[in-house]
Amino acid sequence: MSAKPPSKTQVLNTIAEQTGLKKQDVVSVLDSLGSQISSALNSEAGAFTIPGLCKIVRQIKEATPEREMKSPFTGEMITVSAKPERKIVKVRPLKALKDMVS
């Protein structure tokens, strides 16, 4: 089994040690990054890129109507309820992040 991912506190402490910044400064930078991502995803563009790491994109999933389908378990027809239009977030890794893993 793999080890647990680092906690928020561990990440903040590591960044503070590596950069020489105070922990409070690191927290404020990450909070600012979070608010920048939020405002970018809620804007008309609906996308935010963290250079060298990933691109975060907001997509709108269309509403689906109520429909009949065959149950894969029992074989009888069931009614699947309608779903409203909704916003989803997708994160795509950039080349540099892919290269870090491979």
PDB file of N, CA and C in Angstrom:
ATOM      1  N   MET A   1       0.842  -1.182   0.000  1.00  0.00           N
ATOM      2  CA  MET A   1       0.000   0.000   0.000  1.00  0.00           C
ATOM      3  C   MET A   1       0.889   1.247   0.000  1.00  0.00           C
ATOM      4  N   SER A   2       0.462   2.269  -0.652  1.00  0.00           N
ATOM      5  CA  SER A   2       1.266   3.484  -0.747  1.00  0.00           C
ATOM      6  C   SER A   2       1.114   4.336   0.506  1.00  0.00           C
ATOM      7  N   ALA A   3       2.040   5.231   0.703  1.00  0.00           N
ATOM      8  CA  ALA A   3       2.007   6.135   1.849  1.00  0.00           C
ATOM      9  C   ALA A   3       0.934   7.190   1.645  1.00  0.00           C
ATOM     10  N   LYS A   4       0.509   7.796   2.743  1.00  0.00           N
ATOM     11  CA  LYS A   4      -0.508   8.845   2.671  1.00  0.00           C
ATOM     12  C   LYS A   4       0.068  10.087   1.993  1.00  0.00           C
ATOM     13  N   PRO A   5      -0.767  10.833   1.278  1.00  0.00           N
ATOM     14  CA  PRO A   5      -0.293  12.100   0.710  1.00  0.00           C
ATOM     15  C   PRO A   5      -0.055  13.100   1.843  1.00  0.00           C
ATOM     16  N   PRO A   6       0.798  14.092   1.624  1.00  0.00           N
ATOM     17  CA  PRO A   6       1.075  15.059   2.691  1.00  0.00           C
ATOM     18  C   PRO A   6      -0.160  15.880   3.041  1.00  0.00           C
ATOM     19  N   SER A   7      -0.263  16.227   4.320  1.00  0.00           N
ATOM     20  CA  SER A   7      -1.383  17.053   4.777  1.00  0.00           C
ATOM     21  C   SER A   7      -1.129  18.510   4.395  1.00  0.00           C
ATOM     22  N   LYS A   8      -2.153  19.325   4.578  1.00  0.00           N
ATOM     23  CA  LYS A   8      -2.025  20.752   4.257  1.00  0.00           C
ATOM     24  C   LYS A   8      -0.913  21.383   5.097  1.00  0.00           C
ATOM     25  N   THR A   9      -0.857  21.036   6.375  1.00  0.00           N
ATOM     26  CA  THR A   9       0.170  21.584   7.263  1.00  0.00           C
ATOM     27  C   THR A   9       1.561  21.175   6.807  1.00  0.00           C
ATOM     28  N   GLN A  10       1.718  19.915   6.419  1.00  0.00           N
ATOM     29  CA  GLN A  10       3.021  19.450   5.950  1.00  0.00           C
ATOM     30  C   GLN A  10       3.442  20.178   4.678  1.00  0.00           C
ATOM     31  N   VAL A  11       2.505  20.385   3.774  1.00  0.00           N
ATOM     32  CA  VAL A  11       2.808  21.104   2.531  1.00  0.00           C
ATOM     33  C   VAL A  11       3.230  22.532   2.849  1.00  0.00           C
ATOM     34  N   LEU A  12       2.467  23.204   3.714  1.00  0.00           N
ATOM     35  CA  LEU A  12       2.797  24.586   4.074  1.00  0.00           C
ATOM     36  C   LEU A  12       4.167  24.672   4.729  1.00  0.00           C
ATOM     37  N   ASN A  13       4.465  23.751   5.643  1.00  0.00           N
ATOM     38  CA  ASN A  13       5.768  23.761   6.316  1.00  0.00           C
ATOM     39  C   ASN A  13       6.907  23.517   5.332  1.00  0.00           C
ATOM     40  N   THR A  14       6.721  22.592   4.403  1.00  0.00           N
ATOM     41  CA  THR A  14       7.759  22.288   3.417  1.00  0.00           C
ATOM     42  C   THR A  14       8.022  23.488   2.512  1.00  0.00           C
ATOM     43  N   ILE A  15       6.955  24.124   2.040  1.00  0.00           N
ATOM     44  CA  ILE A  15       7.123  25.302   1.180  1.00  0.00           C
ATOM     45  C   ILE A  15       7.815  26.420   1.949  1.00  0.00           C
ATOM     46  N   ALA A  16       7.422  26.620   3.200  1.00  0.00           N
ATOM     47  CA  ALA A  16       8.039  27.670   4.021  1.00  0.00           C
ATOM     48  C   ALA A  16       9.529  27.406   4.214  1.00  0.00           C
ATOM     49  N   GLU A  17       9.900  26.153   4.457  1.00  0.00           N
ATOM     50  CA  GLU A  17      11.316  25.809   4.642  1.00  0.00           C
ATOM     51  C   GLU A  17      12.109  26.000   3.351  1.00  0.00           C
ATOM     52  N   GLN A  18      11.549  25.560   2.225  1.00  0.00           N
ATOM     53  CA  GLN A  18      12.277  25.617   0.960  1.00  0.00           C
ATOM     54  C   GLN A  18      12.429  27.035   0.428  1.00  0.00           C
ATOM     55  N   THR A  19      11.461  27.905   0.722  1.00  0.00           N
ATOM     56  CA  THR A  19      11.514  29.260   0.183  1.00  0.00           C
ATOM     57  C   THR A  19      12.062  30.279   1.171  1.00  0.00           C
ATOM     58  N   GLY A  20      12.112  29.916   2.441  1.00  0.00           N
ATOM     59  CA  GLY A  20      12.575  30.863   3.445  1.00  0.00           C
ATOM     60  C   GLY A  20      11.516  31.879   3.841  1.00  0.00           C
ATOM     61  N   LEU A  21      10.284  31.669   3.415  1.00  0.00           N
ATOM     62  CA  LEU A  21       9.185  32.563   3.780  1.00  0.00           C
ATOM     63  C   LEU A  21       8.571  32.118   5.098  1.00  0.00           C
ATOM     64  N   LYS A  22       7.866  33.050   5.738  1.00  0.00           N
ATOM     65  CA  LYS A  22       7.128  32.694   6.943  1.00  0.00           C
ATOM     66  C   LYS A  22       5.927  31.848   6.542  1.00  0.00           C
ATOM     67  N   LYS A  23       5.491  30.998   7.465  1.00  0.00           N
ATOM     68  CA  LYS A  23       4.348  30.123   7.181  1.00  0.00           C
ATOM     69  C   LYS A  23       3.101  30.951   6.867  1.00  0.00           C
ATOM     70  N   GLN A  24       2.921  32.084   7.556  1.00  0.00           N
ATOM     71  CA  GLN A  24       1.760  32.948   7.316  1.00  0.00           C
ATOM     72  C   GLN A  24       1.789  33.511   5.893  1.00  0.00           C
ATOM     73  N   ASP A  25       2.986  33.818   5.400  1.00  0.00           N
ATOM     74  CA  ASP A  25       3.116  34.328   4.031  1.00  0.00           C
ATOM     75  C   ASP A  25       2.738  33.252   3.009  1.00  0.00           C
ATOM     76  N   VAL A  26       3.150  32.019   3.272  1.00  0.00           N
ATOM     77  CA  VAL A  26       2.817  30.911   2.375  1.00  0.00           C
ATOM     78  C   VAL A  26       1.308  30.693   2.365  1.00  0.00           C
ATOM     79  N   VAL A  27       0.684  30.757   3.543  1.00  0.00           N
ATOM     80  CA  VAL A  27      -0.769  30.597   3.642  1.00  0.00           C
ATOM     81  C   VAL A  27      -1.470  31.686   2.844  1.00  0.00           C
ATOM     82  N   SER A  28      -1.006  32.930   2.957  1.00  0.00           N
ATOM     83  CA  SER A  28      -1.654  34.026   2.230  1.00  0.00           C
ATOM     84  C   SER A  28      -1.462  33.883   0.717  1.00  0.00           C
ATOM     85  N   VAL A  29      -0.309  33.385   0.279  1.00  0.00           N
ATOM     86  CA  VAL A  29      -0.079  33.164  -1.153  1.00  0.00           C
ATOM     87  C   VAL A  29      -1.030  32.089  -1.683  1.00  0.00           C
ATOM     88  N   LEU A  30      -1.174  30.996  -0.949  1.00  0.00           N
ATOM     89  CA  LEU A  30      -2.065  29.924  -1.401  1.00  0.00           C
ATOM     90  C   LEU A  30      -3.528  30.357  -1.355  1.00  0.00           C
ATOM     91  N   ASP A  31      -3.903  31.167  -0.359  1.00  0.00           N
ATOM     92  CA  ASP A  31      -5.265  31.706  -0.313  1.00  0.00           C
ATOM     93  C   ASP A  31      -5.521  32.612  -1.511  1.00  0.00           C
ATOM     94  N   SER A  32      -4.530  33.429  -1.848  1.00  0.00           N
ATOM     95  CA  SER A  32      -4.648  34.311  -3.005  1.00  0.00           C
ATOM     96  C   SER A  32      -4.768  33.498  -4.295  1.00  0.00           C
ATOM     97  N   LEU A  33      -3.990  32.428  -4.398  1.00  0.00           N
ATOM     98  CA  LEU A  33      -4.077  31.552  -5.567  1.00  0.00           C
ATOM     99  C   LEU A  33      -5.477  30.947  -5.673  1.00  0.00           C
ATOM    100  N   GLY A  34      -6.027  30.523  -4.548  1.00  0.00           N
ATOM    101  CA  GLY A  34      -7.377  29.963  -4.542  1.00  0.00           C
ATOM    102  C   GLY A  34      -8.418  30.964  -5.002  1.00  0.00           C
ATOM    103  N   SER A  35      -8.291  32.214  -4.552  1.00  0.00           N
ATOM    104  CA  SER A  35      -9.258  33.236  -4.973  1.00  0.00           C
ATOM    105  C   SER A  35      -9.077  33.595  -6.448  1.00  0.00           C
ATOM    106  N   GLN A  36      -7.842  33.577  -6.947  1.00  0.00           N
ATOM    107  CA  GLN A  36      -7.591  33.823  -8.375  1.00  0.00           C
ATOM    108  C   GLN A  36      -8.222  32.724  -9.228  1.00  0.00           C
ATOM    109  N   ILE A  37      -8.081  31.478  -8.787  1.00  0.00           N
ATOM    110  CA  ILE A  37      -8.680  30.353  -9.512  1.00  0.00           C
ATOM    111  C   ILE A  37     -10.194  30.484  -9.514  1.00  0.00           C
ATOM    112  N   SER A  38     -10.760  30.811  -8.353  1.00  0.00           N
ATOM    113  CA  SER A  38     -12.215  30.956  -8.237  1.00  0.00           C
ATOM    114  C   SER A  38     -12.745  32.039  -9.163  1.00  0.00           C
ATOM    115  N   SER A  39     -12.096  33.198  -9.168  1.00  0.00           N
ATOM    116  CA  SER A  39     -12.576  34.289 -10.018  1.00  0.00           C
ATOM    117  C   SER A  39     -12.395  33.961 -11.503  1.00  0.00           C
ATOM    118  N   ALA A  40     -11.319  33.251 -11.851  1.00  0.00           N
ATOM    119  CA  ALA A  40     -11.102  32.881 -13.253  1.00  0.00           C
ATOM    120  C   ALA A  40     -12.132  31.856 -13.721  1.00  0.00           C
ATOM    121  N   LEU A  41     -12.458  30.886 -12.868  1.00  0.00           N
ATOM    122  CA  LEU A  41     -13.431  29.867 -13.258  1.00  0.00           C
ATOM    123  C   LEU A  41     -14.841  30.432 -13.331  1.00  0.00           C
ATOM    124  N   ASN A  42     -15.136  31.448 -12.532  1.00  0.00           N
ATOM    125  CA  ASN A  42     -16.459  32.063 -12.561  1.00  0.00           C
ATOM    126  C   ASN A  42     -16.578  33.149 -13.619  1.00  0.00           C
ATOM    127  N   SER A  43     -15.464  33.515 -14.262  1.00  0.00           N
ATOM    128  CA  SER A  43     -15.512  34.524 -15.318  1.00  0.00           C
ATOM    129  C   SER A  43     -16.009  33.877 -16.609  1.00  0.00           C
ATOM    130  N   GLU A  44     -16.106  34.681 -17.650  1.00  0.00           N
ATOM    131  CA  GLU A  44     -16.582  34.167 -18.935  1.00  0.00           C
ATOM    132  C   GLU A  44     -15.603  33.162 -19.540  1.00  0.00           C
ATOM    133  N   ALA A  45     -14.308  33.363 -19.312  1.00  0.00           N
ATOM    134  CA  ALA A  45     -13.305  32.449 -19.872  1.00  0.00           C
ATOM    135  C   ALA A  45     -13.443  31.052 -19.272  1.00  0.00           C
ATOM    136  N   GLY A  46     -13.648  30.968 -17.964  1.00  0.00           N
ATOM    137  CA  GLY A  46     -13.852  29.686 -17.310  1.00  0.00           C
ATOM    138  C   GLY A  46     -12.635  28.787 -17.276  1.00  0.00           C
ATOM    139  N   ALA A  47     -11.425  29.372 -17.269  1.00  0.00           N
ATOM    140  CA  ALA A  47     -10.215  28.555 -17.247  1.00  0.00           C
ATOM    141  C   ALA A  47      -9.120  29.272 -16.469  1.00  0.00           C
ATOM    142  N   PHE A  48      -8.223  28.479 -15.881  1.00  0.00           N
ATOM    143  CA  PHE A  48      -7.082  29.025 -15.159  1.00  0.00           C
ATOM    144  C   PHE A  48      -5.914  28.070 -15.356  1.00  0.00           C
ATOM    145  N   THR A  49      -4.739  28.618 -15.647  1.00  0.00           N
ATOM    146  CA  THR A  49      -3.551  27.798 -15.843  1.00  0.00           C
ATOM    147  C   THR A  49      -2.546  28.086 -14.746  1.00  0.00           C
ATOM    148  N   ILE A  50      -2.081  27.032 -14.096  1.00  0.00           N
ATOM    149  CA  ILE A  50      -0.962  27.144 -13.162  1.00  0.00           C
ATOM    150  C   ILE A  50       0.258  26.770 -13.991  1.00  0.00           C
ATOM    151  N   PRO A  51       1.098  27.758 -14.341  1.00  0.00           N
ATOM    152  CA  PRO A  51       2.192  27.520 -15.288  1.00  0.00           C
ATOM    153  C   PRO A  51       3.064  26.322 -14.905  1.00  0.00           C
ATOM    154  N   GLY A  52       3.261  25.442 -15.865  1.00  0.00           N
ATOM    155  CA  GLY A  52       4.108  24.280 -15.672  1.00  0.00           C
ATOM    156  C   GLY A  52       3.447  23.117 -14.962  1.00  0.00           C
ATOM    157  N   LEU A  53       2.228  23.301 -14.453  1.00  0.00           N
ATOM    158  CA  LEU A  53       1.588  22.217 -13.712  1.00  0.00           C
ATOM    159  C   LEU A  53       0.298  21.722 -14.355  1.00  0.00           C
ATOM    160  N   CYS A  54      -0.713  22.603 -14.383  1.00  0.00           N
ATOM    161  CA  CYS A  54      -2.011  22.127 -14.859  1.00  0.00           C
ATOM    162  C   CYS A  54      -2.873  23.274 -15.365  1.00  0.00           C
ATOM    163  N   LYS A  55      -3.903  22.879 -16.090  1.00  0.00           N
ATOM    164  CA  LYS A  55      -4.904  23.822 -16.561  1.00  0.00           C
ATOM    165  C   LYS A  55      -6.229  23.384 -15.956  1.00  0.00           C
ATOM    166  N   ILE A  56      -6.921  24.316 -15.302  1.00  0.00           N
ATOM    167  CA  ILE A  56      -8.197  24.043 -14.659  1.00  0.00           C
ATOM    168  C   ILE A  56      -9.276  24.683 -15.516  1.00  0.00           C
ATOM    169  N   VAL A  57     -10.273  23.891 -15.913  1.00  0.00           N
ATOM    170  CA  VAL A  57     -11.299  24.358 -16.837  1.00  0.00           C
ATOM    171  C   VAL A  57     -12.681  24.078 -16.264  1.00  0.00           C
ATOM    172  N   ARG A  58     -13.564  25.071 -16.362  1.00  0.00           N
ATOM    173  CA  ARG A  58     -14.965  24.877 -15.992  1.00  0.00           C
ATOM    174  C   ARG A  58     -15.735  24.530 -17.259  1.00  0.00           C
ATOM    175  N   GLN A  59     -16.517  23.469 -17.211  1.00  0.00           N
ATOM    176  CA  GLN A  59     -17.342  23.087 -18.347  1.00  0.00           C
ATOM    177  C   GLN A  59     -18.790  23.015 -17.891  1.00  0.00           C
ATOM    178  N   ILE A  60     -19.691  23.225 -18.825  1.00  0.00           N
ATOM    179  CA  ILE A  60     -21.114  23.141 -18.516  1.00  0.00           C
ATOM    180  C   ILE A  60     -21.648  21.860 -19.135  1.00  0.00           C
ATOM    181  N   LYS A  61     -22.185  20.995 -18.275  1.00  0.00           N
ATOM    182  CA  LYS A  61     -22.794  19.754 -18.746  1.00  0.00           C
ATOM    183  C   LYS A  61     -24.258  20.017 -19.008  1.00  0.00           C
ATOM    184  N   GLU A  62     -24.701  19.655 -20.183  1.00  0.00           N
ATOM    185  CA  GLU A  62     -26.082  19.908 -20.592  1.00  0.00           C
ATOM    186  C   GLU A  62     -27.064  19.131 -19.723  1.00  0.00           C
ATOM    187  N   ALA A  63     -28.277  19.645 -19.640  1.00  0.00           N
ATOM    188  CA  ALA A  63     -29.344  18.955 -18.925  1.00  0.00           C
ATOM    189  C   ALA A  63     -29.722  17.692 -19.696  1.00  0.00           C
ATOM    190  N   THR A  64     -30.070  16.643 -18.958  1.00  0.00           N
ATOM    191  CA  THR A  64     -30.499  15.410 -19.605  1.00  0.00           C
ATOM    192  C   THR A  64     -31.970  15.168 -19.286  1.00  0.00           C
ATOM    193  N   PRO A  65     -32.750  14.738 -20.265  1.00  0.00           N
ATOM    194  CA  PRO A  65     -34.175  14.498 -20.022  1.00  0.00           C
ATOM    195  C   PRO A  65     -34.395  13.165 -19.300  1.00  0.00           C
ATOM    196  N   GLU A  66     -35.585  13.016 -18.733  1.00  0.00           N
ATOM    197  CA  GLU A  66     -35.956  11.736 -18.139  1.00  0.00           C
ATOM    198  C   GLU A  66     -36.042  10.709 -19.262  1.00  0.00           C
ATOM    199  N   ARG A  67     -35.584   9.479 -18.991  1.00  0.00           N
ATOM    200  CA  ARG A  67     -35.578   8.481 -20.059  1.00  0.00           C
ATOM    201  C   ARG A  67     -35.769   7.082 -19.492  1.00  0.00           C
ATOM    202  N   GLU A  68     -36.151   6.196 -20.373  1.00  0.00           N
ATOM    203  CA  GLU A  68     -36.321   4.782 -20.039  1.00  0.00           C
ATOM    204  C   GLU A  68     -35.074   4.034 -20.502  1.00  0.00           C
ATOM    205  N   MET A  69     -34.614   3.085 -19.672  1.00  0.00           N
ATOM    206  CA  MET A  69     -33.486   2.255 -20.084  1.00  0.00           C
ATOM    207  C   MET A  69     -33.617   0.870 -19.465  1.00  0.00           C
ATOM    208  N   LYS A  70     -32.925  -0.063 -20.037  1.00  0.00           N
ATOM    209  CA  LYS A  70     -32.959  -1.434 -19.551  1.00  0.00           C
ATOM    210  C   LYS A  70     -31.944  -1.580 -18.421  1.00  0.00           C
ATOM    211  N   SER A  71     -32.371  -2.121 -17.283  1.00  0.00           N
ATOM    212  CA  SER A  71     -31.475  -2.337 -16.152  1.00  0.00           C
ATOM    213  C   SER A  71     -30.471  -3.429 -16.507  1.00  0.00           C
ATOM    214  N   PRO A  72     -29.179  -3.177 -16.321  1.00  0.00           N
ATOM    215  CA  PRO A  72     -28.190  -4.204 -16.662  1.00  0.00           C
ATOM    216  C   PRO A  72     -28.231  -5.401 -15.709  1.00  0.00           C
ATOM    217  N   PHE A  73     -28.842  -5.237 -14.534  1.00  0.00           N
ATOM    218  CA  PHE A  73     -28.869  -6.311 -13.546  1.00  0.00           C
ATOM    219  C   PHE A  73     -30.099  -7.203 -13.692  1.00  0.00           C
ATOM    220  N   THR A  74     -31.281  -6.577 -13.801  1.00  0.00           N
ATOM    221  CA  THR A  74     -32.519  -7.354 -13.840  1.00  0.00           C
ATOM    222  C   THR A  74     -33.069  -7.525 -15.245  1.00  0.00           C
ATOM    223  N   GLY A  75     -32.683  -6.679 -16.164  1.00  0.00           N
ATOM    224  CA  GLY A  75     -33.174  -6.756 -17.525  1.00  0.00           C
ATOM    225  C   GLY A  75     -34.505  -6.059 -17.742  1.00  0.00           C
ATOM    226  N   GLU A  76     -35.115  -5.533 -16.677  1.00  0.00           N
ATOM    227  CA  GLU A  76     -36.397  -4.839 -16.843  1.00  0.00           C
ATOM    228  C   GLU A  76     -36.167  -3.358 -17.131  1.00  0.00           C
ATOM    229  N   MET A  77     -37.171  -2.716 -17.677  1.00  0.00           N
ATOM    230  CA  MET A  77     -37.077  -1.294 -18.016  1.00  0.00           C
ATOM    231  C   MET A  77     -37.244  -0.451 -16.751  1.00  0.00           C
ATOM    232  N   ILE A  78     -36.360   0.535 -16.585  1.00  0.00           N
ATOM    233  CA  ILE A  78     -36.443   1.460 -15.454  1.00  0.00           C
ATOM    234  C   ILE A  78     -36.439   2.889 -15.985  1.00  0.00           C
ATOM    235  N   THR A  79     -36.918   3.815 -15.151  1.00  0.00           N
ATOM    236  CA  THR A  79     -36.933   5.227 -15.521  1.00  0.00           C
ATOM    237  C   THR A  79     -35.763   5.927 -14.841  1.00  0.00           C
ATOM    238  N   VAL A  80     -34.942   6.584 -15.637  1.00  0.00           N
ATOM    239  CA  VAL A  80     -33.818   7.364 -15.116  1.00  0.00           C
ATOM    240  C   VAL A  80     -34.281   8.811 -15.060  1.00  0.00           C
ATOM    241  N   SER A  81     -34.162   9.429 -13.880  1.00  0.00           N
ATOM    242  CA  SER A  81     -34.669  10.793 -13.713  1.00  0.00           C
ATOM    243  C   SER A  81     -33.833  11.806 -14.492  1.00  0.00           C
ATOM    244  N   ALA A  82     -34.439  12.943 -14.765  1.00  0.00           N
ATOM    245  CA  ALA A  82     -33.767  14.016 -15.498  1.00  0.00           C
ATOM    246  C   ALA A  82     -32.729  14.679 -14.604  1.00  0.00           C
ATOM    247  N   LYS A  83     -31.682  15.207 -15.211  1.00  0.00           N
ATOM    248  CA  LYS A  83     -30.651  15.937 -14.476  1.00  0.00           C
ATOM    249  C   LYS A  83     -30.586  17.354 -15.022  1.00  0.00           C
ATOM    250  N   PRO A  84     -30.470  18.350 -14.136  1.00  0.00           N
ATOM    251  CA  PRO A  84     -30.391  19.735 -14.608  1.00  0.00           C
ATOM    252  C   PRO A  84     -29.007  20.045 -15.185  1.00  0.00           C
ATOM    253  N   GLU A  85     -28.925  21.172 -15.881  1.00  0.00           N
ATOM    254  CA  GLU A  85     -27.632  21.644 -16.379  1.00  0.00           C
ATOM    255  C   GLU A  85     -26.739  21.916 -15.174  1.00  0.00           C
ATOM    256  N   ARG A  86     -25.459  21.552 -15.277  1.00  0.00           N
ATOM    257  CA  ARG A  86     -24.565  21.741 -14.144  1.00  0.00           C
ATOM    258  C   ARG A  86     -23.159  22.082 -14.612  1.00  0.00           C
ATOM    259  N   LYS A  87     -22.418  22.713 -13.718  1.00  0.00           N
ATOM    260  CA  LYS A  87     -21.034  23.080 -14.009  1.00  0.00           C
ATOM    261  C   LYS A  87     -20.121  22.029 -13.394  1.00  0.00           C
ATOM    262  N   ILE A  88     -19.110  21.620 -14.161  1.00  0.00           N
ATOM    263  CA  ILE A  88     -18.124  20.677 -13.662  1.00  0.00           C
ATOM    264  C   ILE A  88     -16.738  21.282 -13.851  1.00  0.00           C
ATOM    265  N   VAL A  89     -15.787  20.821 -13.062  1.00  0.00           N
ATOM    266  CA  VAL A  89     -14.416  21.312 -13.143  1.00  0.00           C
ATOM    267  C   VAL A  89     -13.525  20.158 -13.570  1.00  0.00           C
ATOM    268  N   LYS A  90     -12.689  20.412 -14.565  1.00  0.00           N
ATOM    269  CA  LYS A  90     -11.731  19.414 -15.025  1.00  0.00           C
ATOM    270  C   LYS A  90     -10.332  19.998 -14.886  1.00  0.00           C
ATOM    271  N   VAL A  91      -9.400  19.149 -14.472  1.00  0.00           N
ATOM    272  CA  VAL A  91      -8.003  19.553 -14.323  1.00  0.00           C
ATOM    273  C   VAL A  91      -7.183  18.708 -15.284  1.00  0.00           C
ATOM    274  N   ARG A  92      -6.470  19.398 -16.183  1.00  0.00           N
ATOM    275  CA  ARG A  92      -5.634  18.707 -17.166  1.00  0.00           C
ATOM    276  C   ARG A  92      -4.170  18.976 -16.847  1.00  0.00           C
ATOM    277  N   PRO A  93      -3.369  17.925 -16.726  1.00  0.00           N
ATOM    278  CA  PRO A  93      -1.949  18.133 -16.462  1.00  0.00           C
ATOM    279  C   PRO A  93      -1.243  18.684 -17.699  1.00  0.00           C
ATOM    280  N   LEU A  94      -0.280  19.559 -17.474  1.00  0.00           N
ATOM    281  CA  LEU A  94       0.538  20.078 -18.565  1.00  0.00           C
ATOM    282  C   LEU A  94       1.767  19.189 -18.736  1.00  0.00           C
ATOM    283  N   LYS A  95       2.507  19.408 -19.792  1.00  0.00           N
ATOM    284  CA  LYS A  95       3.634  18.547 -20.139  1.00  0.00           C
ATOM    285  C   LYS A  95       4.656  18.443 -19.011  1.00  0.00           C
ATOM    286  N   ALA A  96       4.961  19.553 -18.362  1.00  0.00           N
ATOM    287  CA  ALA A  96       5.963  19.532 -17.294  1.00  0.00           C
ATOM    288  C   ALA A  96       5.537  18.610 -16.152  1.00  0.00           C
ATOM    289  N   LEU A  97       4.254  18.624 -15.809  1.00  0.00           N
ATOM    290  CA  LEU A  97       3.758  17.750 -14.745  1.00  0.00           C
ATOM    291  C   LEU A  97       3.799  16.290 -15.186  1.00  0.00           C
ATOM    292  N   LYS A  98       3.457  16.032 -16.434  1.00  0.00           N
ATOM    293  CA  LYS A  98       3.525  14.662 -16.951  1.00  0.00           C
ATOM    294  C   LYS A  98       4.962  14.152 -16.917  1.00  0.00           C
ATOM    295  N   ASP A  99       5.921  15.036 -17.240  1.00  0.00           N
ATOM    296  CA  ASP A  99       7.327  14.644 -17.234  1.00  0.00           C
ATOM    297  C   ASP A  99       7.835  14.367 -15.822  1.00  0.00           C
ATOM    298  N   MET A 100       7.264  15.042 -14.814  1.00  0.00           N
ATOM    299  CA  MET A 100       7.665  14.798 -13.422  1.00  0.00           C
ATOM    300  C   MET A 100       7.309  13.380 -12.991  1.00  0.00           C
ATOM    301  N   VAL A 101       6.210  12.871 -13.509  1.00  0.00           N
ATOM    302  CA  VAL A 101       5.718  11.559 -13.102  1.00  0.00           C
ATOM    303  C   VAL A 101       6.428  10.435 -13.841  1.00  0.00           C
ATOM    304  N   SER A 102       6.732  10.645 -15.095  1.00  0.00           N
ATOM    305  CA  SER A 102       7.345   9.559 -15.879  1.00  0.00           C
ATOM    306  C   SER A 102       8.845   9.528 -15.771  1.00  0.00           C
TER     307      SER A 102
END
